[in-house]
N, C-alpha and C. Protein backbone atom coordinates (compact mmCIF):
# COMPACT_ATOMS: atom_id res chain seq x y z
N HIS A 1 -16.82 -22.53 -34.34
CA HIS A 1 -16.84 -21.22 -33.93
C HIS A 1 -18.00 -21.04 -32.64
N ARG A 2 -18.48 -21.86 -32.12
CA ARG A 2 -19.43 -22.06 -30.49
C ARG A 2 -17.74 -22.51 -29.70
N ASP A 3 -17.37 -23.35 -30.69
CA ASP A 3 -16.21 -23.58 -28.75
C ASP A 3 -15.30 -22.07 -28.75
N LEU A 4 -14.86 -21.33 -30.08
CA LEU A 4 -14.22 -20.59 -29.90
C LEU A 4 -14.95 -19.10 -28.73
N HIS A 5 -16.60 -19.36 -28.97
CA HIS A 5 -16.80 -18.41 -27.70
C HIS A 5 -16.77 -19.06 -26.47
N LEU A 6 -16.81 -20.57 -26.81
CA LEU A 6 -16.86 -21.19 -24.67
C LEU A 6 -15.64 -20.86 -23.92
N SER A 7 -14.69 -20.98 -25.14
CA SER A 7 -13.40 -20.67 -25.20
C SER A 7 -12.91 -19.27 -24.38
N LEU A 8 -13.92 -18.27 -25.31
CA LEU A 8 -13.24 -17.12 -24.77
C LEU A 8 -14.19 -16.68 -23.54
N ARG A 9 -15.76 -16.98 -23.16
CA ARG A 9 -15.86 -17.28 -21.94
C ARG A 9 -15.30 -17.38 -21.14
N ARG A 10 -14.84 -18.97 -21.01
CA ARG A 10 -13.95 -19.51 -19.95
C ARG A 10 -12.61 -18.19 -19.69
N GLN A 11 -11.58 -17.72 -20.57
CA GLN A 11 -10.70 -16.91 -20.54
C GLN A 11 -11.10 -15.46 -19.73
N ARG A 12 -12.21 -15.01 -20.02
CA ARG A 12 -12.70 -13.87 -19.04
C ARG A 12 -13.60 -13.92 -18.12
N GLN A 13 -13.50 -15.47 -17.36
CA GLN A 13 -14.19 -15.84 -16.30
C GLN A 13 -12.73 -16.08 -15.53
N MET A 14 -11.86 -16.73 -16.03
CA MET A 14 -11.22 -16.91 -15.60
C MET A 14 -10.02 -15.67 -15.36
N CYS A 15 -9.89 -14.47 -16.28
CA CYS A 15 -9.20 -13.05 -16.12
C CYS A 15 -9.83 -12.32 -14.91
N ILE A 16 -11.55 -12.52 -14.75
CA ILE A 16 -12.02 -12.04 -13.79
C ILE A 16 -11.93 -12.58 -12.70
N ARG A 17 -11.75 -13.54 -11.85
CA ARG A 17 -11.83 -14.66 -10.78
C ARG A 17 -9.90 -13.81 -10.27
N ASP A 18 -9.37 -13.88 -11.28
CA ASP A 18 -7.95 -13.83 -11.36
C ASP A 18 -7.68 -12.40 -10.12
N ARG A 19 -8.49 -11.28 -11.05
CA ARG A 19 -8.28 -9.51 -10.42
C ARG A 19 -8.87 -9.44 -9.51
N VAL A 20 -9.82 -10.61 -9.33
CA VAL A 20 -10.63 -10.55 -7.65
C VAL A 20 -10.28 -11.53 -6.87
N ASP A 21 -9.47 -12.49 -7.13
CA ASP A 21 -8.08 -12.49 -6.23
C ASP A 21 -7.11 -11.61 -5.67
N ARG A 22 -6.84 -11.73 -6.72
CA ARG A 22 -5.74 -9.99 -6.88
C ARG A 22 -5.84 -8.94 -5.63
N LEU A 23 -6.91 -8.44 -6.38
CA LEU A 23 -7.32 -7.35 -5.12
C LEU A 23 -7.88 -7.27 -3.98
N GLN A 24 -7.87 -8.84 -3.69
CA GLN A 24 -8.19 -9.63 -2.45
C GLN A 24 -6.83 -9.45 -1.46
N GLU A 25 -5.53 -9.82 -2.55
CA GLU A 25 -4.08 -9.24 -2.00
C GLU A 25 -4.23 -8.65 -1.58
N ASP A 26 -4.37 -7.42 -2.10
CA ASP A 26 -4.33 -5.68 -2.33
C ASP A 26 -4.76 -5.65 -0.75
N HIS A 27 -5.53 -6.00 -1.11
CA HIS A 27 -6.47 -5.42 0.53
C HIS A 27 -5.97 -6.30 1.87
N GLU A 28 -4.98 -7.08 1.47
CA GLU A 28 -4.56 -8.05 2.84
C GLU A 28 -3.02 -7.30 2.96
N ASN A 29 -2.34 -7.42 1.75
CA ASN A 29 -1.35 -6.48 2.67
C ASN A 29 -1.43 -4.50 2.68
N ALA A 30 -2.34 -3.88 2.18
CA ALA A 30 -2.44 -3.14 2.81
C ALA A 30 -3.09 -3.32 4.70
N LYS A 31 -3.69 -4.19 4.73
CA LYS A 31 -4.01 -4.20 6.20
C LYS A 31 -2.67 -4.45 7.27
N MET A 32 -1.88 -5.35 6.59
CA MET A 32 -0.85 -6.01 6.70
C MET A 32 0.54 -4.32 7.15
N LEU A 33 0.58 -4.08 5.99
CA LEU A 33 0.85 -2.51 5.82
C LEU A 33 0.82 -1.37 6.72
N ALA A 34 -0.66 -1.39 6.81
CA ALA A 34 -1.64 -0.04 8.09
C ALA A 34 -0.48 -0.56 9.80
N THR A 35 -1.67 -2.16 9.79
CA THR A 35 -0.82 -2.38 11.54
C THR A 35 0.10 -2.37 12.03
N GLN A 36 0.74 -2.72 10.70
CA GLN A 36 2.88 -3.06 11.11
C GLN A 36 3.68 -1.01 11.71
N ILE A 37 2.59 -0.35 10.23
CA ILE A 37 3.00 1.25 10.66
C ILE A 37 2.60 1.68 11.78
N SER A 38 1.29 1.26 11.84
CA SER A 38 0.06 2.24 12.69
C SER A 38 0.77 1.73 14.08
N GLU A 39 2.28 0.71 14.58
CA GLU A 39 2.26 0.61 16.14
C GLU A 39 3.78 1.42 15.93
N MET A 40 4.24 2.57 14.11
CA MET A 40 5.85 3.05 15.05
C MET A 40 5.43 4.24 15.35
N GLU A 41 6.39 5.30 16.43
CA GLU A 41 6.74 6.08 16.79
C GLU A 41 6.46 7.27 15.55
N GLY A 42 5.82 7.87 15.03
CA GLY A 42 6.10 8.77 14.87
C GLY A 42 4.68 8.63 13.95
N ILE A 43 4.25 7.87 13.45
CA ILE A 43 2.73 7.62 12.54
C ILE A 43 1.89 7.72 13.19
N GLU A 44 0.60 8.32 12.88
CA GLU A 44 -1.18 8.13 13.35
C GLU A 44 -1.43 7.68 12.28
N LEU A 45 -2.07 6.45 12.56
CA LEU A 45 -3.19 5.76 11.55
C LEU A 45 -4.06 4.99 12.17
N ASP A 46 -5.63 5.14 11.66
CA ASP A 46 -6.60 4.13 12.35
C ASP A 46 -6.86 3.03 11.31
N LYS A 47 -6.68 1.87 11.71
CA LYS A 47 -6.68 0.51 11.74
C LYS A 47 -7.94 0.73 10.82
N SER A 48 -8.74 0.83 11.44
CA SER A 48 -10.28 0.42 11.74
C SER A 48 -11.02 0.96 10.24
N LYS A 49 -9.78 1.71 9.25
CA LYS A 49 -10.54 2.79 8.68
C LYS A 49 -9.92 2.31 7.20
N ILE A 50 -9.24 1.01 7.72
CA ILE A 50 -8.83 0.58 6.77
C ILE A 50 -9.86 -0.48 5.44
N LYS A 51 -10.14 -0.10 4.37
CA LYS A 51 -11.45 -1.14 4.18
C LYS A 51 -10.41 -1.44 2.63
N THR A 52 -9.97 -0.93 2.06
CA THR A 52 -9.89 -0.98 0.19
C THR A 52 -8.16 -1.81 0.90
N ASN A 53 -7.25 -1.20 -1.02
CA ASN A 53 -6.12 -1.31 -0.58
C ASN A 53 -5.30 -0.17 -0.55
N ILE A 54 -6.13 0.96 -0.38
CA ILE A 54 -5.12 2.45 0.11
C ILE A 54 -5.24 2.65 1.60
N ILE A 55 -4.30 3.14 1.79
CA ILE A 55 -4.51 3.63 3.33
C ILE A 55 -3.52 5.04 3.46
N PHE A 56 -4.55 5.66 4.18
CA PHE A 56 -4.21 7.83 4.63
C PHE A 56 -3.38 7.29 6.53
N PHE A 57 -1.99 7.84 6.47
CA PHE A 57 -1.47 8.28 7.64
C PHE A 57 -0.96 9.63 7.56
N LYS A 58 -0.90 10.01 9.00
CA LYS A 58 -0.31 11.42 9.43
C LYS A 58 1.35 11.04 10.24
N LEU A 59 2.41 11.78 9.59
CA LEU A 59 3.86 11.88 10.47
C LEU A 59 3.29 12.81 12.07
N LYS A 60 3.92 12.22 12.67
CA LYS A 60 4.40 13.01 13.71
C LYS A 60 5.63 13.10 14.55
N GLY A 61 5.62 14.70 14.40
CA GLY A 61 6.94 14.30 14.69
C GLY A 61 8.43 13.88 14.19
N PHE A 62 8.34 14.07 12.62
CA PHE A 62 9.61 13.67 11.84
C PHE A 62 9.08 14.73 10.60
N ASP A 63 9.84 15.23 9.25
CA ASP A 63 9.70 16.10 8.76
C ASP A 63 8.77 15.48 7.25
N ALA A 64 7.99 16.39 6.56
CA ALA A 64 7.55 15.25 5.87
C ALA A 64 8.24 15.56 4.50
N GLU A 65 9.03 16.16 4.28
CA GLU A 65 10.10 16.30 2.85
C GLU A 65 11.06 15.22 3.14
N VAL A 66 11.59 15.14 3.98
CA VAL A 66 12.88 14.61 4.04
C VAL A 66 12.33 12.70 4.19
N PHE A 67 10.75 12.82 4.86
CA PHE A 67 10.57 11.41 5.19
C PHE A 67 10.31 10.67 3.28
N LEU A 68 9.83 11.71 2.69
CA LEU A 68 9.25 11.41 0.71
C LEU A 68 10.80 11.20 0.64
N GLN A 69 11.32 12.30 0.83
CA GLN A 69 12.93 12.04 0.14
C GLN A 69 13.61 10.68 0.43
N GLU A 70 13.46 9.96 1.61
CA GLU A 70 14.48 9.16 2.24
C GLU A 70 13.37 8.15 1.25
N LEU A 71 12.52 7.72 1.18
CA LEU A 71 11.05 6.78 0.92
C LEU A 71 11.85 6.65 -0.78
N GLY A 72 12.22 7.90 -1.35
CA GLY A 72 12.03 7.80 -2.31
C GLY A 72 13.86 7.25 -3.26
N LYS A 73 14.67 7.67 -2.10
CA LYS A 73 15.80 6.76 -2.52
C LYS A 73 16.14 5.28 -2.68
N LYS A 74 14.33 4.70 -1.73
CA LYS A 74 14.54 3.71 -1.55
C LYS A 74 13.80 3.13 -2.78
N GLN A 75 13.18 3.87 -3.13
CA GLN A 75 12.19 3.61 -4.99
C GLN A 75 10.38 3.17 -4.38
N ILE A 76 10.32 3.86 -3.11
CA ILE A 76 8.96 4.08 -2.53
C ILE A 76 8.01 5.26 -2.89
N LYS A 77 7.37 4.79 -3.27
CA LYS A 77 6.12 6.50 -4.15
C LYS A 77 5.19 6.49 -2.85
N ILE A 78 5.50 7.03 -2.04
CA ILE A 78 3.83 7.31 -1.23
C ILE A 78 3.98 8.70 -1.50
N PHE A 79 2.60 8.96 -1.42
CA PHE A 79 2.61 10.69 -1.53
C PHE A 79 1.81 11.35 -0.23
N MET A 80 1.73 12.35 -0.78
CA MET A 80 1.49 13.56 0.58
C MET A 80 0.09 14.69 -0.02
N THR A 81 -0.99 13.68 -0.13
CA THR A 81 -2.34 13.94 -0.33
C THR A 81 -2.70 15.47 -0.16
N ASP A 82 -2.17 15.80 1.34
CA ASP A 82 -2.56 16.79 1.94
C ASP A 82 -1.32 17.49 2.91
N SER A 83 -0.73 18.87 2.12
CA SER A 83 1.05 19.10 2.74
C SER A 83 0.62 19.88 4.29
N ASP A 84 -0.74 20.66 3.98
CA ASP A 84 -1.25 20.64 4.95
C ASP A 84 -2.05 20.47 6.83
N ALA A 85 -2.49 19.52 6.05
CA ALA A 85 -2.29 18.48 7.09
C ALA A 85 -2.06 17.25 7.22
N GLY A 86 0.11 17.37 6.38
CA GLY A 86 0.66 16.22 6.93
C GLY A 86 0.02 14.69 6.44
N ILE A 87 -1.37 14.83 5.50
CA ILE A 87 -1.66 13.56 5.23
C ILE A 87 -0.79 12.85 4.10
N PHE A 88 -0.71 11.53 4.46
CA PHE A 88 0.32 10.62 3.69
C PHE A 88 -1.04 9.52 3.12
N ARG A 89 -0.79 9.31 1.41
CA ARG A 89 -1.41 8.12 1.19
C ARG A 89 -0.41 7.53 0.85
N ALA A 90 -0.85 5.79 1.04
CA ALA A 90 -0.15 4.78 0.08
C ALA A 90 -1.82 3.79 -0.84
N VAL A 91 -0.65 3.65 -2.09
CA VAL A 91 -1.50 2.68 -2.92
C VAL A 91 -1.30 1.75 -2.61
N LEU A 92 -1.66 0.18 -2.47
CA LEU A 92 -1.32 -0.71 -3.10
C LEU A 92 -1.66 -1.65 -4.04
N HIS A 93 -1.16 -2.20 -5.39
CA HIS A 93 -2.11 -2.66 -6.01
C HIS A 93 -1.28 -3.78 -6.76
N ARG A 94 -1.36 -4.30 -8.01
CA ARG A 94 -1.07 -6.19 -8.30
C ARG A 94 0.74 -5.96 -8.57
N ASP A 95 0.73 -4.94 -9.21
CA ASP A 95 2.46 -5.03 -8.64
C ASP A 95 3.27 -4.77 -7.57
N VAL A 96 2.69 -5.25 -6.59
CA VAL A 96 3.25 -5.10 -5.46
C VAL A 96 3.40 -5.90 -4.24
N SER A 97 4.08 -6.51 -4.29
CA SER A 97 4.27 -7.69 -3.36
C SER A 97 3.83 -8.10 -2.19
N LYS A 98 3.79 -9.14 -1.91
CA LYS A 98 4.01 -9.09 0.37
C LYS A 98 5.38 -8.78 0.69
N LYS A 99 6.49 -9.48 -0.07
CA LYS A 99 7.82 -9.21 -0.11
C LYS A 99 8.11 -7.04 -0.22
N GLN A 100 7.37 -7.04 -1.35
CA GLN A 100 7.79 -5.61 -1.11
C GLN A 100 7.36 -5.15 -0.20
N VAL A 101 5.99 -4.67 1.01
CA VAL A 101 5.00 -4.28 1.56
C VAL A 101 6.09 -4.64 2.58
N GLU A 102 7.23 -5.66 2.96
CA GLU A 102 7.89 -6.05 4.10
C GLU A 102 8.58 -4.87 3.80
N THR A 103 9.29 -4.93 2.60
CA THR A 103 10.54 -4.43 2.16
C THR A 103 10.21 -2.77 2.80
N VAL A 104 9.00 -3.03 2.43
CA VAL A 104 8.71 -0.49 3.10
C VAL A 104 7.94 -0.32 4.56
N ILE A 105 7.40 -1.04 5.38
CA ILE A 105 7.82 -1.53 6.80
C ILE A 105 9.23 -1.64 6.92
N GLU A 106 10.14 -2.33 6.74
CA GLU A 106 11.35 -1.83 6.99
C GLU A 106 12.11 -0.75 6.64
N SER A 107 11.34 0.11 6.06
CA SER A 107 12.14 1.22 5.11
C SER A 107 11.30 1.80 6.01
N PHE A 108 10.15 1.81 6.40
CA PHE A 108 9.71 3.04 7.02
C PHE A 108 10.39 3.21 9.04
N LYS A 109 10.78 1.83 9.48
CA LYS A 109 11.56 1.53 10.62
C LYS A 109 12.32 2.16 10.47
N SER A 110 13.76 2.02 9.60
CA SER A 110 14.65 2.63 9.60
C SER A 110 14.41 4.50 9.58
N ILE A 111 13.83 4.90 8.61
CA ILE A 111 13.74 6.32 8.30
C ILE A 111 13.59 6.62 9.30
N LEU A 112 12.39 6.30 10.10
CA LEU A 112 11.95 7.14 11.35
C LEU A 112 12.55 7.17 12.71
N ALA A 113 13.52 5.87 12.77
CA ALA A 113 14.15 5.48 13.87
C ALA A 113 15.44 6.57 13.53
N LYS A 114 15.80 7.53 12.33
CA LYS A 114 17.04 8.72 11.98
C LYS A 114 16.51 9.97 12.55
N GLY A 115 14.83 10.02 12.80
CA GLY A 115 14.23 11.27 13.08
C GLY A 115 15.06 11.73 14.64
């Protein structure tokens, strides 16, 4: 019984450690995405405000609905949090890999280039 208890405690500790590591990875992916898209023509984003796995940005000179539709065609889900102000929100989580973030960056570039 004591061995089972210790084993379960170790599993919980490993799970927590894995989640913390994964959260750090999410934050790094968010910073990478923010850094890359902040340099694109048509994106307004303050990189200094990226502290977590959530990114807020605005589009300049590009139709928001067209942008969302084009992203949707590529199975990329980004939300508009404030349509009047044109604010978008991207959330990176454990199901989003670095490779997928790179795909999102390339998708932003190609969509905005059509602008």
